[in-house]
C-alpha atoms as a PDB file:
ATOM      1  CA  MET A   1      20.848  20.152 -34.871  1.00  0.00           C
ATOM      2  CA  ARG A   2      19.799  22.949 -32.538  1.00  0.00           C
ATOM      3  CA  ASP A   3      22.687  24.906 -31.030  1.00  0.00           C
ATOM      4  CA  PHE A   4      22.041  25.094 -27.271  1.00  0.00           C
ATOM      5  CA  LYS A   5      23.890  27.639 -25.156  1.00  0.00           C
ATOM      6  CA  ILE A   6      22.754  26.733 -21.643  1.00  0.00           C
ATOM      7  CA  ASP A   7      25.230  27.603 -18.879  1.00  0.00           C
ATOM      8  CA  PHE A   8      25.277  24.398 -16.846  1.00  0.00           C
ATOM      9  CA  ASN A   9      28.138  25.672 -14.674  1.00  0.00           C
ATOM     10  CA  LYS A  10      25.853  28.388 -13.273  1.00  0.00           C
ATOM     11  CA  ALA A  11      23.059  25.835 -12.740  1.00  0.00           C
ATOM     12  CA  PHE A  12      25.317  23.659 -10.561  1.00  0.00           C
ATOM     13  CA  PHE A  13      24.633  25.346  -7.205  1.00  0.00           C
ATOM     14  CA  LYS A  14      20.878  25.611  -7.835  1.00  0.00           C
ATOM     15  CA  VAL A  15      20.718  21.890  -8.583  1.00  0.00           C
ATOM     16  CA  ILE A  16      22.765  21.072  -5.478  1.00  0.00           C
ATOM     17  CA  ILE A  17      20.351  23.127  -3.337  1.00  0.00           C
ATOM     18  CA  ALA A  18      17.381  21.258  -4.845  1.00  0.00           C
ATOM     19  CA  TYR A  19      19.027  17.890  -4.079  1.00  0.00           C
ATOM     20  CA  ILE A  20      19.828  18.932  -0.511  1.00  0.00           C
ATOM     21  CA  ALA A  21      16.206  20.019   0.012  1.00  0.00           C
ATOM     22  CA  ILE A  22      14.993  16.572  -1.113  1.00  0.00           C
ATOM     23  CA  PHE A  23      17.537  14.879   1.150  1.00  0.00           C
ATOM     24  CA  VAL A  24      16.411  16.950   4.145  1.00  0.00           C
ATOM     25  CA  VAL A  25      12.760  15.994   3.529  1.00  0.00           C
ATOM     26  CA  GLY A  26      13.797  12.357   3.209  1.00  0.00           C
ATOM     27  CA  VAL A  27      15.819  12.415   6.435  1.00  0.00           C
ATOM     28  CA  VAL A  28      12.929  14.019   8.348  1.00  0.00           C
ATOM     29  CA  MET A  29      10.473  11.414   7.045  1.00  0.00           C
ATOM     30  CA  ALA A  30      12.921   8.607   7.838  1.00  0.00           C
ATOM     31  CA  CYS A  31      13.174   9.901  11.416  1.00  0.00           C
ATOM     32  CA  ILE A  32       9.372  10.098  11.706  1.00  0.00           C
ATOM     33  CA  TRP A  33       8.325   6.905   9.914  1.00  0.00           C
ATOM     34  CA  GLY A  34      11.527   4.891   9.899  1.00  0.00           C
ATOM     35  CA  VAL A  35      12.885   2.890   6.966  1.00  0.00           C
ATOM     36  CA  ASP A  36      10.835  -0.101   5.831  1.00  0.00           C
ATOM     37  CA  LEU A  37      13.318  -2.944   5.328  1.00  0.00           C
ATOM     38  CA  ASP A  38      12.529  -6.315   3.775  1.00  0.00           C
ATOM     39  CA  ILE A  39      13.149  -9.595   5.585  1.00  0.00           C
ATOM     40  CA  ASN A  40      16.291 -10.012   3.457  1.00  0.00           C
ATOM     41  CA  PHE A  41      17.818  -7.119   5.436  1.00  0.00           C
ATOM     42  CA  LYS A  42      16.164  -7.570   8.859  1.00  0.00           C
ATOM     43  CA  GLY A  43      15.149 -11.215   8.980  1.00  0.00           C
ATOM     44  CA  GLY A  44      11.660 -12.639   9.387  1.00  0.00           C
ATOM     45  CA  THR A  45       9.055 -14.590   7.429  1.00  0.00           C
ATOM     46  CA  LYS A  46       6.802 -13.932   4.452  1.00  0.00           C
ATOM     47  CA  ILE A  47       3.985 -16.327   3.592  1.00  0.00           C
ATOM     48  CA  SER A  48       1.668 -15.878   0.615  1.00  0.00           C
ATOM     49  CA  TYR A  49      -1.616 -17.792   0.268  1.00  0.00           C
ATOM     50  CA  SER A  50      -3.711 -18.192  -2.852  1.00  0.00           C
ATOM     51  CA  TYR A  51      -7.491 -18.256  -2.574  1.00  0.00           C
ATOM     52  CA  THR A  52     -10.683 -18.140  -4.634  1.00  0.00           C
ATOM     53  CA  GLY A  53     -13.785 -15.993  -4.263  1.00  0.00           C
ATOM     54  CA  ASP A  54     -13.938 -13.188  -1.720  1.00  0.00           C
ATOM     55  CA  ILE A  55     -12.665 -13.291   1.834  1.00  0.00           C
ATOM     56  CA  ASP A  56     -13.266 -11.028   4.805  1.00  0.00           C
ATOM     57  CA  ASP A  57      -9.987  -9.282   5.701  1.00  0.00           C
ATOM     58  CA  ALA A  58     -11.030  -8.772   9.310  1.00  0.00           C
ATOM     59  CA  LYS A  59     -11.801 -12.480   9.745  1.00  0.00           C
ATOM     60  CA  VAL A  60      -8.487 -13.439   8.100  1.00  0.00           C
ATOM     61  CA  LYS A  61      -6.575 -11.192  10.508  1.00  0.00           C
ATOM     62  CA  GLU A  62      -8.558 -12.615  13.424  1.00  0.00           C
ATOM     63  CA  THR A  63      -7.512 -16.124  12.378  1.00  0.00           C
ATOM     64  CA  ILE A  64      -3.893 -15.053  11.997  1.00  0.00           C
ATOM     65  CA  ASP A  65      -3.935 -13.369  15.426  1.00  0.00           C
ATOM     66  CA  SER A  66      -5.036 -16.624  16.992  1.00  0.00           C
ATOM     67  CA  LYS A  67      -1.838 -18.332  15.787  1.00  0.00           C
ATOM     68  CA  ILE A  68       0.736 -15.515  15.692  1.00  0.00           C
ATOM     69  CA  ASP A  69       1.547 -13.348  18.713  1.00  0.00           C
ATOM     70  CA  ALA A  70       4.049 -11.045  16.963  1.00  0.00           C
ATOM     71  CA  SER A  71       3.145  -7.952  14.896  1.00  0.00           C
ATOM     72  CA  TYR A  72       2.800  -8.489  11.154  1.00  0.00           C
ATOM     73  CA  THR A  73       1.644  -6.798   7.956  1.00  0.00           C
ATOM     74  CA  PHE A  74      -1.194  -8.047   5.768  1.00  0.00           C
ATOM     75  CA  SER A  75      -1.652  -7.275   2.057  1.00  0.00           C
ATOM     76  CA  LYS A  76      -3.690  -8.617  -0.867  1.00  0.00           C
ATOM     77  CA  SER A  77      -2.958  -8.715  -4.609  1.00  0.00           C
ATOM     78  CA  THR A  78      -4.029 -10.305  -7.877  1.00  0.00           C
ATOM     79  CA  ALA A  79      -1.541 -12.050 -10.153  1.00  0.00           C
ATOM     80  CA  LEU A  80      -0.777 -10.245 -13.410  1.00  0.00           C
ATOM     81  CA  ALA A  81      -1.433 -13.356 -15.501  1.00  0.00           C
ATOM     82  CA  GLY A  82      -4.695 -15.087 -14.699  1.00  0.00           C
ATOM     83  CA  ASP A  83      -7.125 -14.551 -11.862  1.00  0.00           C
ATOM     84  CA  THR A  84      -5.031 -15.910  -9.001  1.00  0.00           C
ATOM     85  CA  LYS A  85      -5.745 -13.960  -5.843  1.00  0.00           C
ATOM     86  CA  THR A  86      -3.238 -13.934  -3.026  1.00  0.00           C
ATOM     87  CA  PHE A  87      -2.743 -12.411   0.398  1.00  0.00           C
ATOM     88  CA  GLU A  88       0.596 -12.066   2.145  1.00  0.00           C
ATOM     89  CA  ILE A  89       1.578 -12.159   5.804  1.00  0.00           C
ATOM     90  CA  ALA A  90       4.967 -10.605   6.596  1.00  0.00           C
ATOM     91  CA  LEU A  91       6.805 -10.627   9.915  1.00  0.00           C
ATOM     92  CA  VAL A  92       9.835  -8.372   9.387  1.00  0.00           C
ATOM     93  CA  GLY A  93      12.573  -8.053  11.992  1.00  0.00           C
ATOM     94  CA  LYS A  94      11.288 -11.107  13.834  1.00  0.00           C
ATOM     95  CA  ASP A  95      12.605 -14.616  14.310  1.00  0.00           C
ATOM     96  CA  ALA A  96      11.570 -16.798  11.380  1.00  0.00           C
ATOM     97  CA  LEU A  97       8.384 -18.795  11.877  1.00  0.00           C
ATOM     98  CA  THR A  98       9.113 -22.454  12.359  1.00  0.00           C
ATOM     99  CA  ALA A  99       7.710 -25.029   9.951  1.00  0.00           C
ATOM    100  CA  GLU A 100       5.350 -26.205  12.698  1.00  0.00           C
ATOM    101  CA  LYS A 101       3.988 -22.689  13.240  1.00  0.00           C
ATOM    102  CA  GLN A 102       3.452 -22.258   9.507  1.00  0.00           C
ATOM    103  CA  GLU A 103       1.584 -25.557   9.338  1.00  0.00           C
ATOM    104  CA  GLU A 104      -0.635 -24.507  12.247  1.00  0.00           C
ATOM    105  CA  LEU A 105      -1.379 -21.170  10.589  1.00  0.00           C
ATOM    106  CA  THR A 106      -2.178 -22.817   7.266  1.00  0.00           C
ATOM    107  CA  LYS A 107      -4.513 -25.330   8.910  1.00  0.00           C
ATOM    108  CA  ALA A 108      -6.315 -22.566  10.818  1.00  0.00           C
ATOM    109  CA  LEU A 109      -6.859 -20.572   7.624  1.00  0.00           C
ATOM    110  CA  THR A 110      -8.048 -23.523   5.543  1.00  0.00           C
ATOM    111  CA  ASP A 111     -10.460 -24.560   8.304  1.00  0.00           C
ATOM    112  CA  ALA A 112     -11.839 -21.021   8.662  1.00  0.00           C
ATOM    113  CA  PHE A 113     -12.245 -20.495   4.895  1.00  0.00           C
ATOM    114  CA  LYS A 114     -13.135 -23.916   3.528  1.00  0.00           C
ATOM    115  CA  ASP A 115     -14.978 -22.507   0.505  1.00  0.00           C
ATOM    116  CA  ASN A 116     -12.065 -20.312  -0.613  1.00  0.00           C
ATOM    117  CA  LYS A 117      -9.565 -23.113  -1.324  1.00  0.00           C
ATOM    118  CA  ILE A 118      -6.723 -21.440   0.565  1.00  0.00           C
ATOM    119  CA  ALA A 119      -3.285 -22.897  -0.162  1.00  0.00           C
ATOM    120  CA  ILE A 120       0.328 -21.797   0.372  1.00  0.00           C
ATOM    121  CA  TYR A 121       1.434 -19.817  -2.697  1.00  0.00           C
ATOM    122  CA  ASN A 122       4.925 -18.880  -1.539  1.00  0.00           C
ATOM    123  CA  SER A 123       6.914 -18.978   1.677  1.00  0.00           C
ATOM    124  CA  ASN A 124      10.231 -17.381   2.589  1.00  0.00           C
ATOM    125  CA  SER A 125      12.019 -17.232   5.941  1.00  0.00           C
ATOM    126  CA  VAL A 126      15.310 -15.478   6.727  1.00  0.00           C
ATOM    127  CA  SER A 127      17.120 -15.496  10.058  1.00  0.00           C
ATOM    128  CA  PRO A 128      18.507 -12.188  11.376  1.00  0.00           C
ATOM    129  CA  THR A 129      22.050 -13.555  10.948  1.00  0.00           C
ATOM    130  CA  MET A 130      21.460 -14.401   7.281  1.00  0.00           C
ATOM    131  CA  ALA A 131      19.833 -10.997   6.773  1.00  0.00           C
ATOM    132  CA  GLY A 132      22.936  -9.273   8.157  1.00  0.00           C
ATOM    133  CA  THR A 133      25.150 -11.316   5.849  1.00  0.00           C
ATOM    134  CA  PHE A 134      22.994 -10.406   2.836  1.00  0.00           C
ATOM    135  CA  PHE A 135      23.169  -6.712   3.778  1.00  0.00           C
ATOM    136  CA  VAL A 136      26.974  -6.807   3.968  1.00  0.00           C
ATOM    137  CA  LYS A 137      27.234  -8.622   0.629  1.00  0.00           C
ATOM    138  CA  SER A 138      24.949  -6.037  -0.972  1.00  0.00           C
ATOM    139  CA  LEU A 139      27.138  -3.190   0.300  1.00  0.00           C
ATOM    140  CA  VAL A 140      30.245  -4.962  -0.974  1.00  0.00           C
ATOM    141  CA  ALA A 141      28.655  -5.331  -4.425  1.00  0.00           C
ATOM    142  CA  VAL A 142      27.859  -1.594  -4.539  1.00  0.00           C
ATOM    143  CA  VAL A 143      31.350  -0.600  -3.330  1.00  0.00           C
ATOM    144  CA  ILE A 144      33.052  -2.875  -5.865  1.00  0.00           C
ATOM    145  CA  THR A 145      30.905  -1.407  -8.638  1.00  0.00           C
ATOM    146  CA  ALA A 146      31.769   2.137  -7.510  1.00  0.00           C
ATOM    147  CA  LEU A 147      35.494   1.316  -7.491  1.00  0.00           C
ATOM    148  CA  GLY A 148      35.119  -0.179 -10.945  1.00  0.00           C
ATOM    149  CA  VAL A 149      33.555   3.102 -12.100  1.00  0.00           C
ATOM    150  CA  VAL A 150      36.504   5.129 -10.772  1.00  0.00           C
ATOM    151  CA  ILE A 151      39.080   2.828 -12.335  1.00  0.00           C
ATOM    152  CA  TYR A 152      37.315   2.635 -15.709  1.00  0.00           C
ATOM    153  CA  VAL A 153      36.736   6.385 -16.072  1.00  0.00           C
ATOM    154  CA  GLY A 154      40.215   7.141 -14.709  1.00  0.00           C
ATOM    155  CA  ILE A 155      41.856   4.974 -17.366  1.00  0.00           C
ATOM    156  CA  ARG A 156      39.605   5.888 -20.286  1.00  0.00           C
ATOM    157  CA  PHE A 157      39.878   9.661 -19.761  1.00  0.00           C
ATOM    158  CA  LYS A 158      43.467   9.836 -18.570  1.00  0.00           C
ATOM    159  CA  LYS A 159      44.259  12.634 -21.079  1.00  0.00           C
ATOM    160  CA  ILE A 160      41.802  15.032 -19.447  1.00  0.00           C
ATOM    161  CA  GLY A 161      42.627  14.175 -15.842  1.00  0.00           C
ATOM    162  CA  GLY A 162      41.043  10.768 -15.450  1.00  0.00           C
ATOM    163  CA  ILE A 163      40.975  10.359 -11.659  1.00  0.00           C
ATOM    164  CA  SER A 164      39.433  13.789 -11.039  1.00  0.00           C
ATOM    165  CA  ALA A 165      36.802  13.113 -13.738  1.00  0.00           C
ATOM    166  CA  ALA A 166      36.107   9.703 -12.200  1.00  0.00           C
ATOM    167  CA  LEU A 167      35.672  11.061  -8.681  1.00  0.00           C
ATOM    168  CA  THR A 168      33.295  13.840  -9.752  1.00  0.00           C
ATOM    169  CA  ALA A 169      31.302  11.294 -11.766  1.00  0.00           C
ATOM    170  CA  LEU A 170      31.160   9.135  -8.631  1.00  0.00           C
ATOM    171  CA  VAL A 171      29.807  12.080  -6.615  1.00  0.00           C
ATOM    172  CA  ALA A 172      26.969  12.432  -9.147  1.00  0.00           C
ATOM    173  CA  LEU A 173      26.265   8.700  -8.822  1.00  0.00           C
ATOM    174  CA  VAL A 174      26.092   9.016  -5.023  1.00  0.00           C
ATOM    175  CA  PHE A 175      23.451  11.740  -5.445  1.00  0.00           C
ATOM    176  CA  ASP A 176      21.450   9.395  -7.699  1.00  0.00           C
ATOM    177  CA  VAL A 177      21.648   6.544  -5.187  1.00  0.00           C
ATOM    178  CA  LEU A 178      20.534   8.836  -2.347  1.00  0.00           C
ATOM    179  CA  ILE A 179      17.589  10.026  -4.438  1.00  0.00           C
ATOM    180  CA  THR A 180      16.398   6.436  -4.980  1.00  0.00           C
ATOM    181  CA  PHE A 181      16.775   5.726  -1.255  1.00  0.00           C
ATOM    182  CA  PHE A 182      14.782   8.763  -0.139  1.00  0.00           C
ATOM    183  CA  VAL A 183      12.117   8.046  -2.775  1.00  0.00           C
ATOM    184  CA  CYS A 184      11.602   4.697  -1.032  1.00  0.00           C
ATOM    185  CA  VAL A 185      11.332   6.513   2.310  1.00  0.00           C
ATOM    186  CA  ILE A 186       8.945   9.207   1.043  1.00  0.00           C
ATOM    187  CA  PHE A 187       6.674   6.764  -0.840  1.00  0.00           C
ATOM    188  CA  ARG A 188       6.845   4.224   2.019  1.00  0.00           C
ATOM    189  CA  LEU A 189       8.296   1.562  -0.253  1.00  0.00           C
ATOM    190  CA  GLN A 190       9.950  -1.462   1.260  1.00  0.00           C
ATOM    191  CA  ILE A 191      13.686  -1.645   0.636  1.00  0.00           C
ATOM    192  CA  ASP A 192      14.336  -5.164  -0.585  1.00  0.00           C
ATOM    193  CA  SER A 193      16.635  -6.961  -3.021  1.00  0.00           C
ATOM    194  CA  ASN A 194      15.009  -4.949  -5.833  1.00  0.00           C
ATOM    195  CA  TYR A 195      16.572  -1.806  -4.383  1.00  0.00           C
ATOM    196  CA  ILE A 196      20.056  -3.243  -4.793  1.00  0.00           C
ATOM    197  CA  ALA A 197      19.175  -3.989  -8.422  1.00  0.00           C
ATOM    198  CA  VAL A 198      18.041  -0.352  -8.818  1.00  0.00           C
ATOM    199  CA  VAL A 199      21.300   0.968  -7.332  1.00  0.00           C
ATOM    200  CA  LEU A 200      23.494  -1.196  -9.540  1.00  0.00           C
ATOM    201  CA  THR A 201      21.423  -0.306 -12.604  1.00  0.00           C
ATOM    202  CA  MET A 202      21.676   3.412 -11.810  1.00  0.00           C
ATOM    203  CA  LEU A 203      25.438   3.189 -11.369  1.00  0.00           C
ATOM    204  CA  GLY A 204      25.707   1.913 -14.927  1.00  0.00           C
ATOM    205  CA  TYR A 205      22.974   4.018 -16.505  1.00  0.00           C
ATOM    206  CA  SER A 206      23.925   7.406 -15.063  1.00  0.00           C
ATOM    207  CA  LEU A 207      27.598   6.723 -15.760  1.00  0.00           C
ATOM    208  CA  ASN A 208      26.782   6.131 -19.426  1.00  0.00           C
ATOM    209  CA  ASP A 209      25.440   9.686 -19.817  1.00  0.00           C
ATOM    210  CA  THR A 210      28.470  11.115 -18.029  1.00  0.00           C
ATOM    211  CA  ILE A 211      30.889   9.160 -20.230  1.00  0.00           C
ATOM    212  CA  VAL A 212      29.220  10.566 -23.352  1.00  0.00           C
ATOM    213  CA  ILE A 213      29.867  14.081 -22.024  1.00  0.00           C
ATOM    214  CA  TYR A 214      33.461  13.327 -21.023  1.00  0.00           C
ATOM    215  CA  ASP A 215      34.113  11.818 -24.434  1.00  0.00           C
ATOM    216  CA  ARG A 216      32.948  15.037 -26.062  1.00  0.00           C
ATOM    217  CA  VAL A 217      35.094  17.057 -23.624  1.00  0.00           C
ATOM    218  CA  ARG A 218      38.141  15.084 -24.707  1.00  0.00           C
ATOM    219  CA  GLU A 219      37.320  15.738 -28.366  1.00  0.00           C
ATOM    220  CA  ASN A 220      36.699  19.457 -27.804  1.00  0.00           C
ATOM    221  CA  ASN A 221      39.956  19.741 -25.871  1.00  0.00           C
ATOM    222  CA  ARG A 222      41.702  18.605 -29.034  1.00  0.00           C
ATOM    223  CA  LEU A 223      39.648  20.863 -31.345  1.00  0.00           C
ATOM    224  CA  TYR A 224      39.680  23.985 -29.156  1.00  0.00           C
ATOM    225  CA  PRO A 225      42.833  23.835 -26.985  1.00  0.00           C
ATOM    226  CA  GLU A 226      42.625  27.588 -26.316  1.00  0.00           C
ATOM    227  CA  ASN A 227      39.226  27.299 -24.565  1.00  0.00           C
ATOM    228  CA  GLU A 228      38.955  27.611 -20.786  1.00  0.00           C
ATOM    229  CA  ILE A 229      37.916  24.341 -19.107  1.00  0.00           C
ATOM    230  CA  GLY A 230      34.506  25.708 -18.080  1.00  0.00           C
ATOM    231  CA  ASP A 231      33.705  26.744 -21.659  1.00  0.00           C
ATOM    232  CA  THR A 232      34.830  23.363 -22.993  1.00  0.00           C
ATOM    233  CA  VAL A 233      32.683  21.403 -20.559  1.00  0.00           C
ATOM    234  CA  ASN A 234      29.693  23.672 -21.130  1.00  0.00           C
ATOM    235  CA  LEU A 235      30.044  23.308 -24.903  1.00  0.00           C
ATOM    236  CA  SER A 236      30.322  19.531 -24.573  1.00  0.00           C
ATOM    237  CA  ILE A 237      27.202  19.230 -22.393  1.00  0.00           C
ATOM    238  CA  ASN A 238      25.173  21.364 -24.808  1.00  0.00           C
ATOM    239  CA  GLN A 239      26.357  19.278 -27.770  1.00  0.00           C
ATOM    240  CA  THR A 240      25.242  16.031 -26.117  1.00  0.00           C
ATOM    241  CA  LEU A 241      22.081  17.466 -24.536  1.00  0.00           C
ATOM    242  CA  ILE A 242      19.572  16.138 -27.097  1.00  0.00           C
ATOM    243  CA  ARG A 243      21.140  12.691 -27.085  1.00  0.00           C
ATOM    244  CA  ASN A 244      21.036  12.442 -23.280  1.00  0.00           C
ATOM    245  CA  ILE A 245      17.469  13.757 -23.065  1.00  0.00           C
ATOM    246  CA  VAL A 246      16.169  11.333 -25.698  1.00  0.00           C
ATOM    247  CA  THR A 247      17.888   8.376 -24.023  1.00  0.00           C
ATOM    248  CA  SER A 248      16.559   9.329 -20.589  1.00  0.00           C
ATOM    249  CA  VAL A 249      13.004   9.995 -21.761  1.00  0.00           C
ATOM    250  CA  THR A 250      12.645   6.744 -23.723  1.00  0.00           C
ATOM    251  CA  THR A 251      13.967   4.693 -20.811  1.00  0.00           C
ATOM    252  CA  PHE A 252      11.786   6.637 -18.371  1.00  0.00           C
ATOM    253  CA  LEU A 253       8.644   5.908 -20.437  1.00  0.00           C
ATOM    254  CA  ALA A 254       9.459   2.195 -20.413  1.00  0.00           C
ATOM    255  CA  VAL A 255       9.895   2.214 -16.632  1.00  0.00           C
ATOM    256  CA  MET A 256       6.691   4.236 -16.170  1.00  0.00           C
ATOM    257  CA  THR A 257       4.826   1.494 -18.019  1.00  0.00           C
ATOM    258  CA  ILE A 258       6.017  -0.911 -15.339  1.00  0.00           C
ATOM    259  CA  VAL A 259       4.911   1.561 -12.654  1.00  0.00           C
ATOM    260  CA  VAL A 260       1.403   1.766 -14.148  1.00  0.00           C
ATOM    261  CA  VAL A 261       1.100  -2.019 -14.395  1.00  0.00           C
ATOM    262  CA  SER A 262       2.329  -2.493 -10.822  1.00  0.00           C
ATOM    263  CA  GLU A 263      -0.193   0.056  -9.520  1.00  0.00           C
ATOM    264  CA  MET A 264      -3.079  -1.462 -11.518  1.00  0.00           C
ATOM    265  CA  PHE A 265      -2.478  -4.987 -10.249  1.00  0.00           C
ATOM    266  CA  GLY A 266      -1.019  -4.198  -6.816  1.00  0.00           C
ATOM    267  CA  LEU A 267       2.294  -5.886  -7.602  1.00  0.00           C
ATOM    268  CA  GLN A 268       4.520  -4.907  -4.686  1.00  0.00           C
ATOM    269  CA  SER A 269       7.563  -6.671  -6.160  1.00  0.00           C
ATOM    270  CA  LEU A 270       7.377  -4.429  -9.248  1.00  0.00           C
ATOM    271  CA  ARG A 271       6.612  -1.229  -7.326  1.00  0.00           C
ATOM    272  CA  THR A 272       9.761  -1.487  -5.218  1.00  0.00           C
ATOM    273  CA  PHE A 273      11.812  -1.617  -8.412  1.00  0.00           C
ATOM    274  CA  ALA A 274       9.960   0.613 -10.852  1.00  0.00           C
ATOM    275  CA  ILE A 275       9.178   3.686  -8.700  1.00  0.00           C
ATOM    276  CA  PRO A 276      12.714   4.306  -7.354  1.00  0.00           C
ATOM    277  CA  MET A 277      14.079   3.437 -10.805  1.00  0.00           C
ATOM    278  CA  ALA A 278      11.861   6.080 -12.449  1.00  0.00           C
ATOM    279  CA  PHE A 279      13.073   8.798 -10.079  1.00  0.00           C
ATOM    280  CA  GLY A 280      16.619   7.495 -10.381  1.00  0.00           C
ATOM    281  CA  LEU A 281      16.471   7.944 -14.157  1.00  0.00           C
ATOM    282  CA  ILE A 282      15.359  11.553 -13.731  1.00  0.00           C
ATOM    283  CA  SER A 283      18.135  12.144 -11.216  1.00  0.00           C
ATOM    284  CA  GLY A 284      20.672  10.375 -13.431  1.00  0.00           C
ATOM    285  CA  GLY A 285      19.879  12.657 -16.344  1.00  0.00           C
ATOM    286  CA  ILE A 286      20.080  15.796 -14.190  1.00  0.00           C
ATOM    287  CA  SER A 287      23.244  14.800 -12.315  1.00  0.00           C
ATOM    288  CA  SER A 288      25.081  13.923 -15.544  1.00  0.00           C
ATOM    289  CA  LEU A 289      24.300  17.359 -16.978  1.00  0.00           C
ATOM    290  CA  CYS A 290      24.442  19.600 -13.925  1.00  0.00           C
ATOM    291  CA  ILE A 291      26.693  17.912 -11.357  1.00  0.00           C
ATOM    292  CA  SER A 292      29.470  15.697 -12.735  1.00  0.00           C
ATOM    293  CA  GLY A 293      30.735  18.114 -15.434  1.00  0.00           C
ATOM    294  CA  PRO A 294      30.344  21.418 -13.523  1.00  0.00           C
ATOM    295  CA  LEU A 295      31.837  19.851 -10.363  1.00  0.00           C
ATOM    296  CA  TRP A 296      34.813  18.694 -12.400  1.00  0.00           C
ATOM    297  CA  VAL A 297      35.216  22.266 -13.711  1.00  0.00           C
ATOM    298  CA  ILE A 298      35.346  23.562 -10.112  1.00  0.00           C
ATOM    299  CA  TRP A 299      37.950  20.918  -9.283  1.00  0.00           C
ATOM    300  CA  LYS A 300      40.144  21.801 -12.304  1.00  0.00           C
ATOM    301  CA  ARG A 301      39.866  25.547 -11.695  1.00  0.00           C
ATOM    302  CA  ARG A 302      40.917  25.247  -8.068  1.00  0.00           C
ATOM    303  CA  LYS A 303      43.763  22.967  -8.998  1.00  0.00           C
ATOM    304  CA  ALA A 304      44.926  25.467 -11.638  1.00  0.00           C
ATOM    305  CA  LYS A 305      44.675  28.328  -9.128  1.00  0.00           C
ATOM    306  CA  LYS A 306      46.831  26.454  -6.600  1.00  0.00           C
ATOM    307  CA  ALA A 307      49.376  25.672  -9.315  1.00  0.00           C
END
């Protein structure tokens, strides 16, 4: 095995600056473009229609405008399996379309495009009240998971200062979550229920890399008790470097396959999961190596200095 001697403690501040730069860009873009939220978070209606042949987008929108007064988004896609073509109408942040309105819209479309066999493929309506409830439940799920992380790491690594290790690991996880959020903003991806799945997945995945490092720190503390904490952490990160890189790269390649497929077939539901997940994996690998351990070293050094 190659003996790496990278000083990750010195890389800490450079990595933090890089993260802050990304966050600043994301905040600026969010202020300019806003954050694109799904109906699950803002309320509204999404209706998908299947069709055959080719249809004129302008004529479809003209037909929709005749039945819907509110602003909406229009998108087309092809199903991954088979040749099913669909187009979607989404009214986000609006009151849900009533069943009567949806029936009127469907009738107008089928009458205007009789040769295209238009039929409802999927329909979903969420009231603003339900959207608010879903948002709160999603936040609760993330907070509970984060608390679980602190408790688990605090108990498992009690011998090396469990709570401090848990809190610094949590800071690294927060950076990963923010990266996935700003990726959605920068790439103009809609934040939907897939994003919550990405966040919860990242909390577990990034933590796994950090735990591997902490486990090696605990072992090296026993083997080299005379070492300063910074040297022990640095040694531990270098010893687990290959393992963490291999794990991250293999998972990243799998997720990138999903990204490619989603881009080829215009699958919005896959894009909103795969793209932030891919960047989250990169961030998770970096934060485990350059944030959680080095930040913990700073914490322990300051605590020792005060003592």
